[in-house]
Amino acid sequence: SDVCYAETLSTLRFADRAKSVRVQAMVNENTMGSVEALQAELRRVQMELHTLRGGGNLPFAALEANNGGLEDSRICELESVLAKAIEREKEANKERDRLQSKVAWLNLLSEKKDKFC
């Protein structure tokens, strides 16, 4: 019908373009380092993450990398992560205090309700 003509024509044009698409499969290969080096890096980063989440101090061995110390960029990155974590902790504490106040208020209202019922 005349009503569906534009839609049909658009679909046929799309199908014609889709026929011309050629896809070539490729194997994803990571050439950034050996498996052992990447696994060691993963363990180190997991240890840092665990330590930061737990609120403990990073062990001295974790701070040593590349001949005796962290690179300046890594130090800045860790300081940024720490600052964000501290900010999140402050926000979480504020939210906890707000919720505790709300619970106290609701408990008070519940006690008043029980007195009237």
PDB file of N, CA and C in Angstrom:
ATOM      1  N   SER A   1       0.835  -1.192   0.000  1.00  0.00           N
ATOM      2  CA  SER A   1       0.000   0.000   0.000  1.00  0.00           C
ATOM      3  C   SER A   1       0.872   1.245   0.000  1.00  0.00           C
ATOM      4  N   ASP A   2       0.270   2.372  -0.340  1.00  0.00           N
ATOM      5  CA  ASP A   2       1.012   3.634  -0.417  1.00  0.00           C
ATOM      6  C   ASP A   2       1.508   4.090   0.956  1.00  0.00           C
ATOM      7  N   VAL A   3       0.794   3.728   1.990  1.00  0.00           N
ATOM      8  CA  VAL A   3       1.145   4.155   3.349  1.00  0.00           C
ATOM      9  C   VAL A   3       2.453   3.506   3.795  1.00  0.00           C
ATOM     10  N   CYS A   4       2.666   2.268   3.452  1.00  0.00           N
ATOM     11  CA  CYS A   4       3.846   1.519   3.889  1.00  0.00           C
ATOM     12  C   CYS A   4       5.015   1.630   2.917  1.00  0.00           C
ATOM     13  N   TYR A   5       4.847   2.329   1.807  1.00  0.00           N
ATOM     14  CA  TYR A   5       5.876   2.412   0.786  1.00  0.00           C
ATOM     15  C   TYR A   5       7.199   2.965   1.334  1.00  0.00           C
ATOM     16  N   ALA A   6       7.169   4.083   2.059  1.00  0.00           N
ATOM     17  CA  ALA A   6       8.396   4.711   2.575  1.00  0.00           C
ATOM     18  C   ALA A   6       9.113   3.788   3.547  1.00  0.00           C
ATOM     19  N   GLU A   7       8.355   3.130   4.426  1.00  0.00           N
ATOM     20  CA  GLU A   7       8.953   2.209   5.401  1.00  0.00           C
ATOM     21  C   GLU A   7       9.583   1.016   4.694  1.00  0.00           C
ATOM     22  N   THR A   8       8.904   0.474   3.702  1.00  0.00           N
ATOM     23  CA  THR A   8       9.428  -0.668   2.955  1.00  0.00           C
ATOM     24  C   THR A   8      10.695  -0.280   2.202  1.00  0.00           C
ATOM     25  N   LEU A   9      10.692   0.887   1.584  1.00  0.00           N
ATOM     26  CA  LEU A   9      11.860   1.359   0.856  1.00  0.00           C
ATOM     27  C   LEU A   9      13.044   1.561   1.800  1.00  0.00           C
ATOM     28  N   SER A  10      12.779   2.131   2.970  1.00  0.00           N
ATOM     29  CA  SER A  10      13.840   2.332   3.965  1.00  0.00           C
ATOM     30  C   SER A  10      14.421   0.993   4.415  1.00  0.00           C
ATOM     31  N   THR A  11      13.552   0.005   4.639  1.00  0.00           N
ATOM     32  CA  THR A  11      14.004  -1.326   5.061  1.00  0.00           C
ATOM     33  C   THR A  11      14.849  -1.984   3.981  1.00  0.00           C
ATOM     34  N   LEU A  12      14.444  -1.859   2.741  1.00  0.00           N
ATOM     35  CA  LEU A  12      15.205  -2.450   1.640  1.00  0.00           C
ATOM     36  C   LEU A  12      16.565  -1.783   1.487  1.00  0.00           C
ATOM     37  N   ARG A  13      16.629  -0.469   1.644  1.00  0.00           N
ATOM     38  CA  ARG A  13      17.922   0.235   1.578  1.00  0.00           C
ATOM     39  C   ARG A  13      18.845  -0.218   2.711  1.00  0.00           C
ATOM     40  N   PHE A  14      18.268  -0.358   3.913  1.00  0.00           N
ATOM     41  CA  PHE A  14      19.065  -0.835   5.044  1.00  0.00           C
ATOM     42  C   PHE A  14      19.595  -2.240   4.762  1.00  0.00           C
ATOM     43  N   ALA A  15      18.750  -3.119   4.249  1.00  0.00           N
ATOM     44  CA  ALA A  15      19.173  -4.488   3.945  1.00  0.00           C
ATOM     45  C   ALA A  15      20.281  -4.487   2.904  1.00  0.00           C
ATOM     46  N   ASP A  16      20.202  -3.609   1.920  1.00  0.00           N
ATOM     47  CA  ASP A  16      21.233  -3.521   0.898  1.00  0.00           C
ATOM     48  C   ASP A  16      22.567  -3.083   1.511  1.00  0.00           C
ATOM     49  N   ARG A  17      22.515  -2.090   2.414  1.00  0.00           N
ATOM     50  CA  ARG A  17      23.743  -1.643   3.097  1.00  0.00           C
ATOM     51  C   ARG A  17      24.289  -2.734   4.008  1.00  0.00           C
ATOM     52  N   ALA A  18      23.403  -3.458   4.699  1.00  0.00           N
ATOM     53  CA  ALA A  18      23.833  -4.513   5.612  1.00  0.00           C
ATOM     54  C   ALA A  18      24.531  -5.639   4.860  1.00  0.00           C
ATOM     55  N   LYS A  19      24.120  -5.915   3.622  1.00  0.00           N
ATOM     56  CA  LYS A  19      24.775  -6.962   2.830  1.00  0.00           C
ATOM     57  C   LYS A  19      26.231  -6.625   2.547  1.00  0.00           C
ATOM     58  N   SER A  20      26.554  -5.339   2.466  1.00  0.00           N
ATOM     59  CA  SER A  20      27.911  -4.948   2.090  1.00  0.00           C
ATOM     60  C   SER A  20      28.873  -4.906   3.284  1.00  0.00           C
ATOM     61  N   VAL A  21      28.374  -5.108   4.481  1.00  0.00           N
ATOM     62  CA  VAL A  21      29.236  -5.079   5.666  1.00  0.00           C
ATOM     63  C   VAL A  21      30.071  -6.349   5.701  1.00  0.00           C
ATOM     64  N   ARG A  22      31.373  -6.177   5.889  1.00  0.00           N
ATOM     65  CA  ARG A  22      32.290  -7.309   5.985  1.00  0.00           C
ATOM     66  C   ARG A  22      32.931  -7.290   7.365  1.00  0.00           C
ATOM     67  N   VAL A  23      32.899  -8.426   8.025  1.00  0.00           N
ATOM     68  CA  VAL A  23      33.454  -8.541   9.375  1.00  0.00           C
ATOM     69  C   VAL A  23      34.600  -9.530   9.337  1.00  0.00           C
ATOM     70  N   GLN A  24      35.695  -9.142   9.971  1.00  0.00           N
ATOM     71  CA  GLN A  24      36.841 -10.026  10.048  1.00  0.00           C
ATOM     72  C   GLN A  24      37.128 -10.289  11.523  1.00  0.00           C
ATOM     73  N   ALA A  25      37.067 -11.538  11.932  1.00  0.00           N
ATOM     74  CA  ALA A  25      37.289 -11.897  13.332  1.00  0.00           C
ATOM     75  C   ALA A  25      38.777 -11.799  13.664  1.00  0.00           C
ATOM     76  N   MET A  26      39.062 -11.310  14.856  1.00  0.00           N
ATOM     77  CA  MET A  26      40.439 -11.195  15.324  1.00  0.00           C
ATOM     78  C   MET A  26      40.544 -11.775  16.720  1.00  0.00           C
ATOM     79  N   VAL A  27      41.706 -12.326  17.041  1.00  0.00           N
ATOM     80  CA  VAL A  27      41.963 -12.861  18.366  1.00  0.00           C
ATOM     81  C   VAL A  27      42.481 -11.723  19.240  1.00  0.00           C
ATOM     82  N   ASN A  28      41.864 -11.549  20.414  1.00  0.00           N
ATOM     83  CA  ASN A  28      42.346 -10.550  21.358  1.00  0.00           C
ATOM     84  C   ASN A  28      43.591 -11.082  22.044  1.00  0.00           C
ATOM     85  N   GLU A  29      44.683 -10.398  21.894  1.00  0.00           N
ATOM     86  CA  GLU A  29      45.922 -10.791  22.538  1.00  0.00           C
ATOM     87  C   GLU A  29      46.473  -9.599  23.294  1.00  0.00           C
ATOM     88  N   ASN A  30      46.856  -9.837  24.528  1.00  0.00           N
ATOM     89  CA  ASN A  30      47.446  -8.785  25.339  1.00  0.00           C
ATOM     90  C   ASN A  30      48.956  -8.936  25.277  1.00  0.00           C
ATOM     91  N   THR A  31      49.629  -7.945  24.742  1.00  0.00           N
ATOM     92  CA  THR A  31      51.081  -8.008  24.612  1.00  0.00           C
ATOM     93  C   THR A  31      51.767  -7.088  25.603  1.00  0.00           C
ATOM     94  N   MET A  32      51.051  -6.699  26.660  1.00  0.00           N
ATOM     95  CA  MET A  32      51.602  -5.742  27.618  1.00  0.00           C
ATOM     96  C   MET A  32      52.592  -6.387  28.582  1.00  0.00           C
ATOM     97  N   GLY A  33      52.585  -7.690  28.748  1.00  0.00           N
ATOM     98  CA  GLY A  33      53.515  -8.316  29.666  1.00  0.00           C
ATOM     99  C   GLY A  33      53.239  -9.797  29.774  1.00  0.00           C
ATOM    100  N   SER A  34      54.094 -10.440  30.523  1.00  0.00           N
ATOM    101  CA  SER A  34      53.926 -11.873  30.698  1.00  0.00           C
ATOM    102  C   SER A  34      52.781 -12.139  31.670  1.00  0.00           C
ATOM    103  N   VAL A  35      52.304 -13.351  31.652  1.00  0.00           N
ATOM    104  CA  VAL A  35      51.206 -13.736  32.535  1.00  0.00           C
ATOM    105  C   VAL A  35      51.631 -13.587  33.990  1.00  0.00           C
ATOM    106  N   GLU A  36      52.852 -13.988  34.300  1.00  0.00           N
ATOM    107  CA  GLU A  36      53.332 -13.908  35.682  1.00  0.00           C
ATOM    108  C   GLU A  36      53.398 -12.464  36.164  1.00  0.00           C
ATOM    109  N   ALA A  37      53.879 -11.573  35.298  1.00  0.00           N
ATOM    110  CA  ALA A  37      53.975 -10.163  35.682  1.00  0.00           C
ATOM    111  C   ALA A  37      52.594  -9.570  35.890  1.00  0.00           C
ATOM    112  N   LEU A  38      51.655  -9.929  35.030  1.00  0.00           N
ATOM    113  CA  LEU A  38      50.296  -9.416  35.169  1.00  0.00           C
ATOM    114  C   LEU A  38      49.617  -9.975  36.419  1.00  0.00           C
ATOM    115  N   GLN A  39      49.878 -11.242  36.733  1.00  0.00           N
ATOM    116  CA  GLN A  39      49.313 -11.823  37.949  1.00  0.00           C
ATOM    117  C   GLN A  39      49.896 -11.167  39.191  1.00  0.00           C
ATOM    118  N   ALA A  40      51.199 -10.864  39.168  1.00  0.00           N
ATOM    119  CA  ALA A  40      51.827 -10.184  40.307  1.00  0.00           C
ATOM    120  C   ALA A  40      51.239  -8.787  40.477  1.00  0.00           C
ATOM    121  N   GLU A  41      51.035  -8.082  39.379  1.00  0.00           N
ATOM    122  CA  GLU A  41      50.422  -6.748  39.437  1.00  0.00           C
ATOM    123  C   GLU A  41      49.002  -6.838  39.980  1.00  0.00           C
ATOM    124  N   LEU A  42      48.262  -7.850  39.549  1.00  0.00           N
ATOM    125  CA  LEU A  42      46.897  -8.045  40.036  1.00  0.00           C
ATOM    126  C   LEU A  42      46.888  -8.290  41.544  1.00  0.00           C
ATOM    127  N   ARG A  43      47.781  -9.151  42.032  1.00  0.00           N
ATOM    128  CA  ARG A  43      47.850  -9.407  43.480  1.00  0.00           C
ATOM    129  C   ARG A  43      48.193  -8.141  44.247  1.00  0.00           C
ATOM    130  N   ARG A  44      49.124  -7.344  43.714  1.00  0.00           N
ATOM    131  CA  ARG A  44      49.530  -6.110  44.387  1.00  0.00           C
ATOM    132  C   ARG A  44      48.367  -5.123  44.454  1.00  0.00           C
ATOM    133  N   VAL A  45      47.655  -4.976  43.348  1.00  0.00           N
ATOM    134  CA  VAL A  45      46.528  -4.039  43.318  1.00  0.00           C
ATOM    135  C   VAL A  45      45.401  -4.536  44.221  1.00  0.00           C
ATOM    136  N   GLN A  46      45.156  -5.864  44.238  1.00  0.00           N
ATOM    137  CA  GLN A  46      44.132  -6.402  45.129  1.00  0.00           C
ATOM    138  C   GLN A  46      44.497  -6.172  46.590  1.00  0.00           C
ATOM    139  N   MET A  47      45.780  -6.302  46.931  1.00  0.00           N
ATOM    140  CA  MET A  47      46.224  -6.065  48.293  1.00  0.00           C
ATOM    141  C   MET A  47      46.014  -4.601  48.675  1.00  0.00           C
ATOM    142  N   GLU A  48      46.340  -3.683  47.768  1.00  0.00           N
ATOM    143  CA  GLU A  48      46.120  -2.258  48.028  1.00  0.00           C
ATOM    144  C   GLU A  48      44.642  -1.972  48.226  1.00  0.00           C
ATOM    145  N   LEU A  49      43.816  -2.541  47.363  1.00  0.00           N
ATOM    146  CA  LEU A  49      42.378  -2.325  47.461  1.00  0.00           C
ATOM    147  C   LEU A  49      41.842  -2.868  48.780  1.00  0.00           C
ATOM    148  N   HIS A  50      42.249  -4.066  49.138  1.00  0.00           N
ATOM    149  CA  HIS A  50      41.814  -4.662  50.401  1.00  0.00           C
ATOM    150  C   HIS A  50      42.240  -3.802  51.582  1.00  0.00           C
ATOM    151  N   THR A  51      43.462  -3.319  51.545  1.00  0.00           N
ATOM    152  CA  THR A  51      43.975  -2.489  52.636  1.00  0.00           C
ATOM    153  C   THR A  51      43.225  -1.171  52.714  1.00  0.00           C
ATOM    154  N   LEU A  52      42.970  -0.553  51.570  1.00  0.00           N
ATOM    155  CA  LEU A  52      42.246   0.715  51.565  1.00  0.00           C
ATOM    156  C   LEU A  52      40.813   0.544  52.035  1.00  0.00           C
ATOM    157  N   ARG A  53      40.163  -0.531  51.637  1.00  0.00           N
ATOM    158  CA  ARG A  53      38.788  -0.774  52.084  1.00  0.00           C
ATOM    159  C   ARG A  53      38.744  -1.088  53.571  1.00  0.00           C
ATOM    160  N   GLY A  54      39.773  -1.783  54.069  1.00  0.00           N
ATOM    161  CA  GLY A  54      39.805  -2.167  55.477  1.00  0.00           C
ATOM    162  C   GLY A  54      40.225  -1.040  56.394  1.00  0.00           C
ATOM    163  N   GLY A  55      40.704   0.052  55.845  1.00  0.00           N
ATOM    164  CA  GLY A  55      41.093   1.186  56.665  1.00  0.00           C
ATOM    165  C   GLY A  55      42.461   1.044  57.307  1.00  0.00           C
ATOM    166  N   GLY A  56      43.180  -0.028  56.976  1.00  0.00           N
ATOM    167  CA  GLY A  56      44.500  -0.218  57.552  1.00  0.00           C
ATOM    168  C   GLY A  56      45.564   0.532  56.777  1.00  0.00           C
ATOM    169  N   ASN A  57      46.778   0.436  57.246  1.00  0.00           N
ATOM    170  CA  ASN A  57      47.896   1.070  56.552  1.00  0.00           C
ATOM    171  C   ASN A  57      48.459   0.114  55.519  1.00  0.00           C
ATOM    172  N   LEU A  58      48.920   0.675  54.428  1.00  0.00           N
ATOM    173  CA  LEU A  58      49.579  -0.148  53.429  1.00  0.00           C
ATOM    174  C   LEU A  58      50.905  -0.642  53.987  1.00  0.00           C
ATOM    175  N   PRO A  59      51.188  -1.921  53.867  1.00  0.00           N
ATOM    176  CA  PRO A  59      52.484  -2.404  54.342  1.00  0.00           C
ATOM    177  C   PRO A  59      53.615  -1.786  53.526  1.00  0.00           C
ATOM    178  N   PHE A  60      54.773  -1.716  54.154  1.00  0.00           N
ATOM    179  CA  PHE A  60      55.923  -1.085  53.515  1.00  0.00           C
ATOM    180  C   PHE A  60      56.267  -1.772  52.203  1.00  0.00           C
ATOM    181  N   ALA A  61      56.129  -3.094  52.162  1.00  0.00           N
ATOM    182  CA  ALA A  61      56.452  -3.837  50.940  1.00  0.00           C
ATOM    183  C   ALA A  61      55.546  -3.421  49.794  1.00  0.00           C
ATOM    184  N   ALA A  62      54.306  -3.065  50.102  1.00  0.00           N
ATOM    185  CA  ALA A  62      53.392  -2.650  49.047  1.00  0.00           C
ATOM    186  C   ALA A  62      53.758  -1.276  48.513  1.00  0.00           C
ATOM    187  N   LEU A  63      54.415  -0.471  49.319  1.00  0.00           N
ATOM    188  CA  LEU A  63      54.820   0.857  48.879  1.00  0.00           C
ATOM    189  C   LEU A  63      56.083   0.821  48.039  1.00  0.00           C
ATOM    190  N   GLU A  64      56.847  -0.244  48.161  1.00  0.00           N
ATOM    191  CA  GLU A  64      58.076  -0.339  47.401  1.00  0.00           C
ATOM    192  C   GLU A  64      57.785  -0.918  46.027  1.00  0.00           C
ATOM    193  N   ALA A  65      58.169  -0.199  45.029  1.00  0.00           N
ATOM    194  CA  ALA A  65      58.029  -0.664  43.651  1.00  0.00           C
ATOM    195  C   ALA A  65      59.042   0.108  42.823  1.00  0.00           C
ATOM    196  N   ASN A  66      59.533  -0.516  41.828  1.00  0.00           N
ATOM    197  CA  ASN A  66      60.487   0.149  40.930  1.00  0.00           C
ATOM    198  C   ASN A  66      61.672   0.752  41.681  1.00  0.00           C
ATOM    199  N   ASN A  67      62.475  -0.082  42.287  1.00  0.00           N
ATOM    200  CA  ASN A  67      63.727   0.314  42.953  1.00  0.00           C
ATOM    201  C   ASN A  67      63.535   1.238  44.145  1.00  0.00           C
ATOM    202  N   GLY A  68      62.636   0.870  45.049  1.00  0.00           N
ATOM    203  CA  GLY A  68      62.625   1.547  46.331  1.00  0.00           C
ATOM    204  C   GLY A  68      61.513   2.527  46.588  1.00  0.00           C
ATOM    205  N   GLY A  69      60.641   2.820  45.670  1.00  0.00           N
ATOM    206  CA  GLY A  69      59.552   3.734  45.981  1.00  0.00           C
ATOM    207  C   GLY A  69      58.552   3.805  44.848  1.00  0.00           C
ATOM    208  N   LEU A  70      57.395   4.312  45.186  1.00  0.00           N
ATOM    209  CA  LEU A  70      56.367   4.459  44.153  1.00  0.00           C
ATOM    210  C   LEU A  70      56.714   5.625  43.241  1.00  0.00           C
ATOM    211  N   GLU A  71      56.296   5.507  42.009  1.00  0.00           N
ATOM    212  CA  GLU A  71      56.472   6.620  41.090  1.00  0.00           C
ATOM    213  C   GLU A  71      55.572   7.758  41.549  1.00  0.00           C
ATOM    214  N   ASP A  72      55.961   8.987  41.225  1.00  0.00           N
ATOM    215  CA  ASP A  72      55.181  10.154  41.645  1.00  0.00           C
ATOM    216  C   ASP A  72      53.743  10.077  41.166  1.00  0.00           C
ATOM    217  N   SER A  73      53.535   9.607  39.950  1.00  0.00           N
ATOM    218  CA  SER A  73      52.166   9.524  39.430  1.00  0.00           C
ATOM    219  C   SER A  73      51.345   8.519  40.224  1.00  0.00           C
ATOM    220  N   ARG A  74      51.966   7.411  40.632  1.00  0.00           N
ATOM    221  CA  ARG A  74      51.256   6.396  41.429  1.00  0.00           C
ATOM    222  C   ARG A  74      50.939   6.938  42.814  1.00  0.00           C
ATOM    223  N   ILE A  75      51.861   7.701  43.387  1.00  0.00           N
ATOM    224  CA  ILE A  75      51.619   8.317  44.694  1.00  0.00           C
ATOM    225  C   ILE A  75      50.446   9.276  44.603  1.00  0.00           C
ATOM    226  N   CYS A  76      50.424  10.098  43.561  1.00  0.00           N
ATOM    227  CA  CYS A  76      49.314  11.037  43.366  1.00  0.00           C
ATOM    228  C   CYS A  76      48.005  10.286  43.183  1.00  0.00           C
ATOM    229  N   GLU A  77      48.061   9.203  42.436  1.00  0.00           N
ATOM    230  CA  GLU A  77      46.853   8.407  42.214  1.00  0.00           C
ATOM    231  C   GLU A  77      46.332   7.828  43.524  1.00  0.00           C
ATOM    232  N   LEU A  78      47.238   7.271  44.335  1.00  0.00           N
ATOM    233  CA  LEU A  78      46.832   6.698  45.617  1.00  0.00           C
ATOM    234  C   LEU A  78      46.329   7.767  46.579  1.00  0.00           C
ATOM    235  N   GLU A  79      46.962   8.947  46.558  1.00  0.00           N
ATOM    236  CA  GLU A  79      46.486  10.043  47.405  1.00  0.00           C
ATOM    237  C   GLU A  79      45.086  10.468  46.994  1.00  0.00           C
ATOM    238  N   SER A  80      44.839  10.487  45.689  1.00  0.00           N
ATOM    239  CA  SER A  80      43.513  10.838  45.190  1.00  0.00           C
ATOM    240  C   SER A  80      42.486   9.802  45.624  1.00  0.00           C
ATOM    241  N   VAL A  81      42.832   8.530  45.510  1.00  0.00           N
ATOM    242  CA  VAL A  81      41.930   7.458  45.929  1.00  0.00           C
ATOM    243  C   VAL A  81      41.646   7.572  47.424  1.00  0.00           C
ATOM    244  N   LEU A  82      42.679   7.837  48.196  1.00  0.00           N
ATOM    245  CA  LEU A  82      42.511   7.975  49.641  1.00  0.00           C
ATOM    246  C   LEU A  82      41.620   9.160  49.976  1.00  0.00           C
ATOM    247  N   ALA A  83      41.838  10.291  49.314  1.00  0.00           N
ATOM    248  CA  ALA A  83      41.014  11.482  49.575  1.00  0.00           C
ATOM    249  C   ALA A  83      39.551  11.209  49.240  1.00  0.00           C
ATOM    250  N   LYS A  84      39.305  10.512  48.134  1.00  0.00           N
ATOM    251  CA  LYS A  84      37.930  10.172  47.766  1.00  0.00           C
ATOM    252  C   LYS A  84      37.315   9.220  48.788  1.00  0.00           C
ATOM    253  N   ALA A  85      38.115   8.257  49.259  1.00  0.00           N
ATOM    254  CA  ALA A  85      37.612   7.313  50.256  1.00  0.00           C
ATOM    255  C   ALA A  85      37.273   8.030  51.560  1.00  0.00           C
ATOM    256  N   ILE A  86      38.109   8.972  51.957  1.00  0.00           N
ATOM    257  CA  ILE A  86      37.840   9.737  53.178  1.00  0.00           C
ATOM    258  C   ILE A  86      36.568  10.558  53.012  1.00  0.00           C
ATOM    259  N   GLU A  87      36.395  11.156  51.850  1.00  0.00           N
ATOM    260  CA  GLU A  87      35.178  11.942  51.580  1.00  0.00           C
ATOM    261  C   GLU A  87      33.941  11.049  51.620  1.00  0.00           C
ATOM    262  N   ARG A  88      34.037   9.844  51.014  1.00  0.00           N
ATOM    263  CA  ARG A  88      32.907   8.911  51.048  1.00  0.00           C
ATOM    264  C   ARG A  88      32.602   8.492  52.478  1.00  0.00           C
ATOM    265  N   GLU A  89      33.643   8.311  53.278  1.00  0.00           N
ATOM    266  CA  GLU A  89      33.430   7.931  54.673  1.00  0.00           C
ATOM    267  C   GLU A  89      32.710   9.046  55.427  1.00  0.00           C
ATOM    268  N   LYS A  90      33.103  10.308  55.192  1.00  0.00           N
ATOM    269  CA  LYS A  90      32.432  11.431  55.841  1.00  0.00           C
ATOM    270  C   LYS A  90      30.966  11.486  55.443  1.00  0.00           C
ATOM    271  N   GLU A  91      30.693  11.307  54.147  1.00  0.00           N
ATOM    272  CA  GLU A  91      29.313  11.322  53.667  1.00  0.00           C
ATOM    273  C   GLU A  91      28.517  10.167  54.276  1.00  0.00           C
ATOM    274  N   ALA A  92      29.138   8.997  54.366  1.00  0.00           N
ATOM    275  CA  ALA A  92      28.462   7.836  54.951  1.00  0.00           C
ATOM    276  C   ALA A  92      28.160   8.088  56.429  1.00  0.00           C
ATOM    277  N   ASN A  93      29.099   8.721  57.139  1.00  0.00           N
ATOM    278  CA  ASN A  93      28.862   9.029  58.548  1.00  0.00           C
ATOM    279  C   ASN A  93      27.714  10.022  58.708  1.00  0.00           C
ATOM    280  N   LYS A  94      27.646  11.030  57.828  1.00  0.00           N
ATOM    281  CA  LYS A  94      26.545  11.992  57.872  1.00  0.00           C
ATOM    282  C   LYS A  94      25.218  11.282  57.632  1.00  0.00           C
ATOM    283  N   GLU A  95      25.194  10.402  56.630  1.00  0.00           N
ATOM    284  CA  GLU A  95      23.974   9.668  56.316  1.00  0.00           C
ATOM    285  C   GLU A  95      23.578   8.760  57.474  1.00  0.00           C
ATOM    286  N   ARG A  96      24.544   8.102  58.091  1.00  0.00           N
ATOM    287  CA  ARG A  96      24.267   7.247  59.243  1.00  0.00           C
ATOM    288  C   ARG A  96      23.662   8.064  60.379  1.00  0.00           C
ATOM    289  N   ASP A  97      24.256   9.239  60.663  1.00  0.00           N
ATOM    290  CA  ASP A  97      23.731  10.101  61.726  1.00  0.00           C
ATOM    291  C   ASP A  97      22.313  10.555  61.401  1.00  0.00           C
ATOM    292  N   ARG A  98      22.064  10.906  60.142  1.00  0.00           N
ATOM    293  CA  ARG A  98      20.731  11.339  59.731  1.00  0.00           C
ATOM    294  C   ARG A  98      19.718  10.217  59.916  1.00  0.00           C
ATOM    295  N   LEU A  99      20.102   9.003  59.524  1.00  0.00           N
ATOM    296  CA  LEU A  99      19.202   7.868  59.657  1.00  0.00           C
ATOM    297  C   LEU A  99      18.976   7.497  61.122  1.00  0.00           C
ATOM    298  N   GLN A 100      20.012   7.618  61.947  1.00  0.00           N
ATOM    299  CA  GLN A 100      19.846   7.336  63.369  1.00  0.00           C
ATOM    300  C   GLN A 100      18.884   8.336  64.007  1.00  0.00           C
ATOM    301  N   SER A 101      18.970   9.601  63.602  1.00  0.00           N
ATOM    302  CA  SER A 101      18.039  10.610  64.102  1.00  0.00           C
ATOM    303  C   SER A 101      16.620  10.285  63.664  1.00  0.00           C
ATOM    304  N   LYS A 102      16.478   9.857  62.432  1.00  0.00           N
ATOM    305  CA  LYS A 102      15.159   9.509  61.913  1.00  0.00           C
ATOM    306  C   LYS A 102      14.584   8.317  62.667  1.00  0.00           C
ATOM    307  N   VAL A 103      15.416   7.321  62.944  1.00  0.00           N
ATOM    308  CA  VAL A 103      14.968   6.143  63.701  1.00  0.00           C
ATOM    309  C   VAL A 103      14.537   6.556  65.100  1.00  0.00           C
ATOM    310  N   ALA A 104      15.317   7.419  65.738  1.00  0.00           N
ATOM    311  CA  ALA A 104      14.964   7.892  67.082  1.00  0.00           C
ATOM    312  C   ALA A 104      13.624   8.620  67.047  1.00  0.00           C
ATOM    313  N   TRP A 105      13.419   9.455  66.021  1.00  0.00           N
ATOM    314  CA  TRP A 105      12.167  10.193  65.886  1.00  0.00           C
ATOM    315  C   TRP A 105      10.996   9.227  65.669  1.00  0.00           C
ATOM    316  N   LEU A 106      11.188   8.223  64.827  1.00  0.00           N
ATOM    317  CA  LEU A 106      10.129   7.246  64.576  1.00  0.00           C
ATOM    318  C   LEU A 106       9.830   6.413  65.811  1.00  0.00           C
ATOM    319  N   ASN A 107      10.857   6.072  66.574  1.00  0.00           N
ATOM    320  CA  ASN A 107      10.637   5.345  67.833  1.00  0.00           C
ATOM    321  C   ASN A 107       9.819   6.185  68.801  1.00  0.00           C
ATOM    322  N   LEU A 108      10.122   7.471  68.872  1.00  0.00           N
ATOM    323  CA  LEU A 108       9.375   8.384  69.744  1.00  0.00           C
ATOM    324  C   LEU A 108       7.919   8.458  69.306  1.00  0.00           C
ATOM    325  N   LEU A 109       7.681   8.593  67.998  1.00  0.00           N
ATOM    326  CA  LEU A 109       6.308   8.629  67.493  1.00  0.00           C
ATOM    327  C   LEU A 109       5.576   7.322  67.785  1.00  0.00           C
ATOM    328  N   SER A 110       6.278   6.211  67.657  1.00  0.00           N
ATOM    329  CA  SER A 110       5.675   4.909  67.930  1.00  0.00           C
ATOM    330  C   SER A 110       5.281   4.798  69.400  1.00  0.00           C
ATOM    331  N   GLU A 111       6.129   5.278  70.300  1.00  0.00           N
ATOM    332  CA  GLU A 111       5.816   5.258  71.733  1.00  0.00           C
ATOM    333  C   GLU A 111       4.597   6.124  72.034  1.00  0.00           C
ATOM    334  N   LYS A 112       4.525   7.305  71.409  1.00  0.00           N
ATOM    335  CA  LYS A 112       3.370   8.180  71.611  1.00  0.00           C
ATOM    336  C   LYS A 112       2.101   7.524  71.100  1.00  0.00           C
ATOM    337  N   LYS A 113       2.203   6.854  69.955  1.00  0.00           N
ATOM    338  CA  LYS A 113       1.047   6.175  69.389  1.00  0.00           C
ATOM    339  C   LYS A 113       0.565   5.082  70.326  1.00  0.00           C
ATOM    340  N   ASP A 114       1.511   4.319  70.900  1.00  0.00           N
ATOM    341  CA  ASP A 114       1.162   3.227  71.806  1.00  0.00           C
ATOM    342  C   ASP A 114       0.461   3.760  73.058  1.00  0.00           C
ATOM    343  N   LYS A 115       0.841   4.957  73.499  1.00  0.00           N
ATOM    344  CA  LYS A 115       0.205   5.537  74.679  1.00  0.00           C
ATOM    345  C   LYS A 115      -1.259   5.879  74.407  1.00  0.00           C
ATOM    346  N   PHE A 116      -1.558   6.307  73.166  1.00  0.00           N
ATOM    347  CA  PHE A 116      -2.915   6.706  72.837  1.00  0.00           C
ATOM    348  C   PHE A 116      -3.802   5.520  72.470  1.00  0.00           C
ATOM    349  N   CYS A 117      -3.210   4.405  72.084  1.00  0.00           N
ATOM    350  CA  CYS A 117      -4.008   3.247  71.643  1.00  0.00           C
ATOM    351  C   CYS A 117      -4.260   2.277  72.755  1.00  0.00           C
TER     352      CYS A 117
END
